[in-house]
Amino acid sequence: MKIFIESIDQGICDAIINGPYAPKHIVENVQVDKPWTQWNEEERMRAQYDCSAKNILTSSLSMDEFFRVSQCKSAKEMWEVLEVTHEGTNDVKRAIKHALIQEYELFKMKQGESIGDVQKRFTHVVNHLIGLGKEFDKEELNIKVLKCLDRSWQPKVTTISETRDLSTLTIAALFGKLREHEIEMQRPNELESSEQKIRITLESSTKTNEELEDEVVESSESENLNLLVKRFGKYLKRKGMKGNPKRYTSEHNESNSSNFTCYNCGKQGHIKIECPNAKKEKEKSVDRKKEKKPKEKCAYIA
């Protein structure tokens, strides 16, 4: 409110603090108020400041607040009523000031608190103390901020104390340096978290690889079986046999080999490829080929 009034006119703010201006003159060696009709232009303007201040104050108040000051005669009186109502008497201000001083002296950074939150709490306490008349210099505030930080900030505190002039460094600039260091401190944590995620992923992938090995073994066995079935199917086609090789192999796995019937001799207990008659016929055909080979060779030479 004070900043707003000062922006309009400094004379209005002076009327609120020091009271209204009342021109005076001397009558029979006695100083009395000067009649309004005898005021000059400068005196009229200075007296008008009080009226402007009352207008600004009443226009900015709610209805309940207006009734508190509606009977006041000057802007200074209105200001004092509002000040006592909302800030208390001098005794109340003194008690609040002592409580804030104790809070300032015991101020510490909380566990897990960011620099931004520390700045908000610290600025709140300091501004209230300054409003109650407490004075601080830059060096005192900077030292207090550096001492309130926890041990993880000790290297940065030492660096700032040795390289910076705390008597000229502003509190905003100090918190800016601390905020910059906080961002740098968060980067390793992000890297550690990412490495931890990668480690967990690798562990899970290791487990899945072990499971995949079992699956690969099973799949390779099934692939070998399928390959064997395909080859057996081709063999049956070459021999002119009909039927489903998969069904044959499943029956072969489920039943005993003694139940098979040979397609060559018609006997049970073996298949055609194991038939002894087939082997004999195969040997006879080989012998015939050997006998015919010299003739074919001679014919080829001729």
Protein backbone atom coordinates (compact mmCIF):
# COMPACT_ATOMS: atom_id res chain seq x y z
CA MET A 1 0.00 0.00 0.00
CA LYS A 2 2.82 2.35 0.81
CA ILE A 3 4.49 1.63 -2.54
CA PHE A 4 1.24 2.33 -4.38
CA ILE A 5 0.72 5.67 -2.59
CA GLU A 6 4.31 6.75 -3.19
CA SER A 7 3.86 6.05 -6.91
CA ILE A 8 0.98 8.57 -7.03
CA ASP A 9 2.63 11.41 -5.11
CA GLN A 10 5.26 11.60 -2.41
CA GLY A 11 3.29 14.39 -0.69
CA ILE A 12 0.37 11.98 -0.13
CA CYS A 13 2.66 9.50 1.62
CA ASP A 14 4.05 12.33 3.78
CA ALA A 15 0.49 13.29 4.80
CA ILE A 16 -0.17 9.71 5.95
CA ILE A 17 3.03 9.45 7.99
CA ASN A 18 3.29 12.97 9.45
CA GLY A 19 -0.36 14.04 9.42
CA PRO A 20 -2.27 16.75 7.48
CA TYR A 21 -0.72 20.10 6.70
CA ALA A 22 -2.40 23.06 8.42
CA PRO A 23 -1.15 26.55 7.45
CA LYS A 24 -0.61 28.87 10.45
CA HIS A 25 0.00 32.55 10.99
CA ILE A 26 0.80 34.78 13.99
CA VAL A 27 -1.91 36.89 15.60
CA GLU A 28 -0.88 39.05 18.56
CA ASN A 29 2.33 37.08 18.99
CA VAL A 30 0.37 33.79 19.08
CA GLN A 31 0.56 31.14 16.33
CA VAL A 32 -2.93 30.11 15.22
CA ASP A 33 -4.47 28.28 12.27
CA LYS A 34 -4.70 30.37 9.19
CA PRO A 35 -8.22 30.85 7.79
CA TRP A 36 -8.92 28.83 4.64
CA THR A 37 -9.75 31.96 2.67
CA GLN A 38 -6.25 33.30 3.30
CA TRP A 39 -4.40 30.20 2.02
CA ASN A 40 -2.17 30.68 -0.98
CA GLU A 41 -1.87 28.18 -3.84
CA GLU A 42 1.01 26.22 -2.34
CA GLU A 43 -0.75 25.86 1.01
CA ARG A 44 -3.92 24.67 -0.70
CA MET A 45 -1.98 21.97 -2.60
CA ARG A 46 -0.19 20.70 0.53
CA ALA A 47 -3.44 20.58 2.49
CA GLN A 48 -5.07 18.66 -0.37
CA TYR A 49 -2.64 15.76 0.12
CA ASP A 50 -4.48 14.59 3.23
CA CYS A 51 -7.82 14.50 1.40
CA SER A 52 -6.28 12.49 -1.44
CA ALA A 53 -4.75 10.03 1.05
CA LYS A 54 -8.12 9.48 2.80
CA ASN A 55 -9.77 8.88 -0.56
CA ILE A 56 -7.17 6.28 -1.55
CA LEU A 57 -7.37 4.43 1.76
CA THR A 58 -11.16 4.25 1.95
CA SER A 59 -11.45 3.22 -1.69
CA SER A 60 -9.14 0.26 -1.14
CA LEU A 61 -10.90 -1.11 1.96
CA SER A 62 -13.74 -3.60 2.27
CA MET A 63 -16.95 -2.63 4.04
CA ASP A 64 -15.89 -4.13 7.39
CA GLU A 65 -12.51 -2.41 7.23
CA PHE A 66 -14.13 0.88 6.21
CA PHE A 67 -16.26 0.92 9.36
CA ARG A 68 -13.08 0.71 11.42
CA VAL A 69 -11.79 4.03 10.05
CA SER A 70 -14.96 5.86 9.00
CA GLN A 71 -14.83 8.14 12.06
CA CYS A 72 -11.16 9.08 11.65
CA LYS A 73 -10.45 12.73 10.86
CA SER A 74 -7.15 12.34 9.00
CA ALA A 75 -5.31 9.84 6.83
CA LYS A 76 -2.68 9.41 9.53
CA GLU A 77 -5.33 8.36 12.04
CA MET A 78 -6.80 5.87 9.54
CA TRP A 79 -3.36 4.42 8.91
CA GLU A 80 -2.64 3.96 12.62
CA VAL A 81 -5.99 2.22 13.21
CA LEU A 82 -5.36 -0.22 10.36
CA GLU A 83 -1.79 -0.80 11.51
CA VAL A 84 -2.80 -1.67 15.06
CA THR A 85 -5.68 -3.85 13.84
CA HIS A 86 -3.62 -6.01 11.51
CA GLU A 87 -0.11 -5.81 12.97
CA GLY A 88 -0.93 -5.34 16.65
CA THR A 89 0.39 -2.95 19.21
CA ASN A 90 4.06 -2.41 19.94
CA ASP A 91 3.99 -5.20 22.52
CA VAL A 92 2.48 -7.60 19.99
CA LYS A 93 5.05 -6.57 17.37
CA ARG A 94 7.81 -7.10 19.89
CA ALA A 95 6.59 -10.62 20.71
CA ILE A 96 6.28 -11.50 17.01
CA LYS A 97 9.73 -10.09 16.40
CA HIS A 98 11.30 -12.24 19.13
CA ALA A 99 9.59 -15.35 17.76
CA LEU A 100 10.85 -14.62 14.25
CA ILE A 101 14.37 -13.95 15.54
CA GLN A 102 14.37 -17.35 17.24
CA GLU A 103 13.12 -18.96 14.03
CA TYR A 104 15.88 -17.14 12.11
CA GLU A 105 18.60 -18.32 14.50
CA LEU A 106 17.40 -21.95 14.39
CA PHE A 107 16.86 -21.94 10.63
CA LYS A 108 18.17 -25.16 9.03
CA MET A 109 17.76 -26.93 5.73
CA LYS A 110 15.29 -29.82 6.02
CA GLN A 111 16.12 -33.32 4.79
CA GLY A 112 15.31 -33.70 1.11
CA GLU A 113 14.46 -29.99 0.76
CA SER A 114 15.40 -28.19 -2.45
CA ILE A 115 17.23 -24.86 -2.63
CA GLY A 116 14.08 -23.21 -3.97
CA ASP A 117 12.11 -24.22 -0.87
CA VAL A 118 14.93 -23.06 1.40
CA GLN A 119 14.95 -19.69 -0.33
CA LYS A 120 11.17 -19.29 0.11
CA ARG A 121 11.27 -20.03 3.85
CA PHE A 122 14.36 -17.94 4.51
CA THR A 123 13.07 -14.92 2.56
CA HIS A 124 9.73 -15.13 4.35
CA VAL A 125 11.37 -14.94 7.79
CA VAL A 126 13.83 -12.19 6.83
CA ASN A 127 11.19 -9.99 5.18
CA HIS A 128 8.94 -10.19 8.24
CA LEU A 129 11.84 -9.23 10.49
CA ILE A 130 12.76 -6.31 8.25
CA GLY A 131 9.12 -5.17 8.35
CA LEU A 132 9.28 -5.19 12.15
CA GLY A 133 12.41 -3.06 12.21
CA LYS A 134 15.17 -5.68 12.27
CA GLU A 135 18.19 -4.74 10.14
CA PHE A 136 20.55 -7.14 8.35
CA ASP A 137 23.65 -6.64 6.26
CA LYS A 138 24.52 -8.77 3.21
CA GLU A 139 27.39 -10.63 4.83
CA GLU A 140 25.28 -11.70 7.81
CA LEU A 141 22.52 -13.08 5.58
CA ASN A 142 24.97 -14.88 3.29
CA ILE A 143 26.79 -16.54 6.19
CA LYS A 144 23.48 -17.63 7.69
CA VAL A 145 22.39 -19.24 4.42
CA LEU A 146 25.69 -21.11 4.02
CA LYS A 147 25.60 -22.39 7.60
CA CYS A 148 22.03 -23.65 7.35
CA LEU A 149 22.89 -26.12 4.55
CA ASP A 150 23.51 -29.80 5.31
CA ARG A 151 26.84 -31.64 5.02
CA SER A 152 26.37 -32.63 1.39
CA TRP A 153 26.78 -28.94 0.50
CA GLN A 154 30.02 -28.50 2.46
CA PRO A 155 32.37 -28.52 -0.59
CA LYS A 156 30.28 -25.85 -2.35
CA VAL A 157 30.04 -23.77 0.86
CA THR A 158 33.83 -23.82 1.21
CA THR A 159 34.29 -22.82 -2.43
CA ILE A 160 31.89 -19.87 -2.17
CA SER A 161 33.41 -18.69 1.11
CA GLU A 162 36.93 -18.70 -0.35
CA THR A 163 36.20 -17.28 -3.82
CA ARG A 164 33.36 -14.80 -3.19
CA ASP A 165 33.15 -11.56 -1.22
CA LEU A 166 30.17 -12.21 1.05
CA SER A 167 29.93 -8.53 2.00
CA THR A 168 28.98 -7.53 -1.57
CA LEU A 169 27.23 -10.71 -2.77
CA THR A 170 23.44 -10.36 -2.82
CA ILE A 171 21.22 -13.04 -1.31
CA ALA A 172 19.57 -13.64 -4.72
CA ALA A 173 22.96 -14.20 -6.38
CA LEU A 174 23.95 -16.63 -3.61
CA PHE A 175 20.83 -18.72 -4.04
CA GLY A 176 21.43 -18.65 -7.79
CA LYS A 177 24.88 -20.21 -7.31
CA LEU A 178 23.42 -22.81 -4.97
CA ARG A 179 20.66 -23.62 -7.43
CA GLU A 180 23.24 -24.10 -10.18
CA HIS A 181 25.19 -26.51 -7.98
CA GLU A 182 21.99 -28.38 -7.12
CA ILE A 183 21.34 -29.04 -10.80
CA GLU A 184 24.89 -30.38 -11.17
CA MET A 185 24.37 -32.65 -8.14
CA GLN A 186 21.20 -34.12 -9.64
CA ARG A 187 22.94 -35.32 -12.82
CA PRO A 188 24.93 -38.18 -11.17
CA ASN A 189 21.74 -39.34 -9.47
CA GLU A 190 20.01 -39.49 -12.83
CA LEU A 191 22.96 -41.47 -14.25
CA GLU A 192 22.86 -43.85 -11.29
CA SER A 193 19.13 -44.37 -11.71
CA SER A 194 19.59 -45.03 -15.43
CA GLU A 195 22.43 -47.48 -14.70
CA GLN A 196 20.27 -49.21 -12.13
CA LYS A 197 17.47 -49.56 -14.68
CA ILE A 198 19.95 -50.99 -17.19
CA ARG A 199 21.25 -53.41 -14.54
CA ILE A 200 17.73 -54.58 -13.74
CA THR A 201 17.02 -54.99 -17.44
CA LEU A 202 20.20 -57.03 -17.90
CA GLU A 203 19.33 -59.25 -14.95
CA SER A 204 15.86 -59.84 -16.32
CA SER A 205 17.32 -60.45 -19.76
CA THR A 206 19.73 -62.99 -18.25
CA LYS A 207 16.84 -64.86 -16.72
CA THR A 208 14.95 -64.80 -19.98
CA ASN A 209 18.06 -66.00 -21.80
CA GLU A 210 18.22 -69.03 -19.54
CA GLU A 211 14.60 -69.70 -20.23
CA LEU A 212 15.20 -69.10 -23.92
CA GLU A 213 17.98 -71.66 -23.90
CA ASP A 214 15.52 -74.29 -22.71
CA GLU A 215 13.04 -73.13 -25.32
CA VAL A 216 15.74 -73.26 -28.01
CA VAL A 217 16.63 -76.83 -27.00
CA GLU A 218 12.99 -77.83 -27.15
CA SER A 219 12.48 -76.03 -30.45
CA SER A 220 15.62 -77.60 -31.92
CA GLU A 221 14.38 -81.03 -30.92
CA SER A 222 11.01 -80.33 -32.49
CA GLU A 223 12.73 -78.98 -35.62
CA ASN A 224 14.81 -82.15 -35.87
CA LEU A 225 11.68 -84.21 -35.51
CA ASN A 226 9.90 -82.17 -38.20
CA LEU A 227 12.93 -82.54 -40.48
CA LEU A 228 12.92 -86.29 -39.92
CA VAL A 229 9.20 -86.42 -40.72
CA LYS A 230 9.74 -84.48 -43.96
CA ARG A 231 12.54 -86.78 -45.05
CA PHE A 232 10.49 -89.82 -44.22
CA GLY A 233 7.57 -88.36 -46.19
CA LYS A 234 9.81 -87.88 -49.22
CA TYR A 235 11.04 -91.44 -48.82
CA LEU A 236 7.47 -92.72 -48.84
CA LYS A 237 6.70 -90.70 -51.95
CA ARG A 238 9.71 -92.15 -53.76
CA LYS A 239 8.58 -95.66 -52.86
CA GLY A 240 5.05 -94.92 -54.02
CA MET A 241 3.52 -95.25 -50.54
CA LYS A 242 0.55 -93.24 -49.37
CA GLY A 243 -0.27 -91.95 -45.93
CA ASN A 244 0.47 -89.18 -43.52
CA PRO A 245 4.09 -89.35 -42.31
CA LYS A 246 3.28 -87.35 -39.22
CA ARG A 247 0.57 -89.82 -38.32
CA TYR A 248 2.94 -92.65 -39.03
CA THR A 249 5.65 -91.20 -36.82
CA SER A 250 3.21 -90.51 -34.00
CA GLU A 251 1.96 -94.07 -34.23
CA HIS A 252 5.57 -95.20 -34.36
CA ASN A 253 6.34 -93.34 -31.15
CA GLU A 254 3.25 -94.62 -29.38
CA SER A 255 3.21 -98.28 -30.48
CA ASN A 256 5.78 -101.04 -30.39
CA SER A 257 7.96 -101.87 -33.40
CA SER A 258 6.69 -105.44 -33.32
CA ASN A 259 3.30 -104.30 -34.64
CA PHE A 260 4.76 -102.99 -37.95
CA THR A 261 4.01 -104.85 -41.21
CA CYS A 262 6.62 -105.00 -43.92
CA TYR A 263 5.40 -103.77 -47.30
CA ASN A 264 7.95 -105.98 -49.10
CA CYS A 265 7.38 -109.44 -47.66
CA GLY A 266 4.13 -108.86 -45.74
CA LYS A 267 5.52 -110.13 -42.45
CA GLN A 268 5.27 -108.29 -39.13
CA GLY A 269 8.08 -107.20 -36.84
CA HIS A 270 10.00 -104.98 -39.27
CA ILE A 271 9.55 -102.37 -41.98
CA LYS A 272 10.46 -102.55 -45.65
CA ILE A 273 13.82 -100.82 -45.28
CA GLU A 274 14.83 -103.47 -42.67
CA CYS A 275 13.43 -106.43 -44.63
CA PRO A 276 16.07 -109.17 -45.15
CA ASN A 277 14.54 -110.10 -48.53
CA ALA A 278 14.94 -106.50 -49.67
CA LYS A 279 18.59 -106.56 -48.64
CA LYS A 280 19.16 -109.78 -50.62
CA GLU A 281 17.47 -108.31 -53.69
CA LYS A 282 19.59 -105.20 -53.34
CA GLU A 283 22.77 -107.27 -53.17
CA LYS A 284 21.73 -109.27 -56.26
CA SER A 285 21.05 -106.06 -58.20
CA VAL A 286 24.50 -104.75 -57.22
CA ASP A 287 26.10 -107.98 -58.43
CA ARG A 288 24.27 -107.72 -61.75
CA LYS A 289 25.50 -104.17 -62.23
CA LYS A 290 29.07 -105.29 -61.57
CA GLU A 291 28.71 -108.05 -64.15
CA LYS A 292 27.32 -105.70 -66.79
CA LYS A 293 29.89 -102.98 -66.12
CA PRO A 294 32.76 -104.44 -68.18
CA LYS A 295 30.47 -104.87 -71.21
CA GLU A 296 29.20 -101.34 -70.85
CA LYS A 297 32.74 -100.18 -70.51
CA CYS A 298 33.82 -101.98 -73.64
CA ALA A 299 30.88 -100.62 -75.52
CA TYR A 300 31.72 -97.15 -74.26
CA ILE A 301 35.33 -97.56 -75.47
CA ALA A 302 34.23 -98.80 -78.87
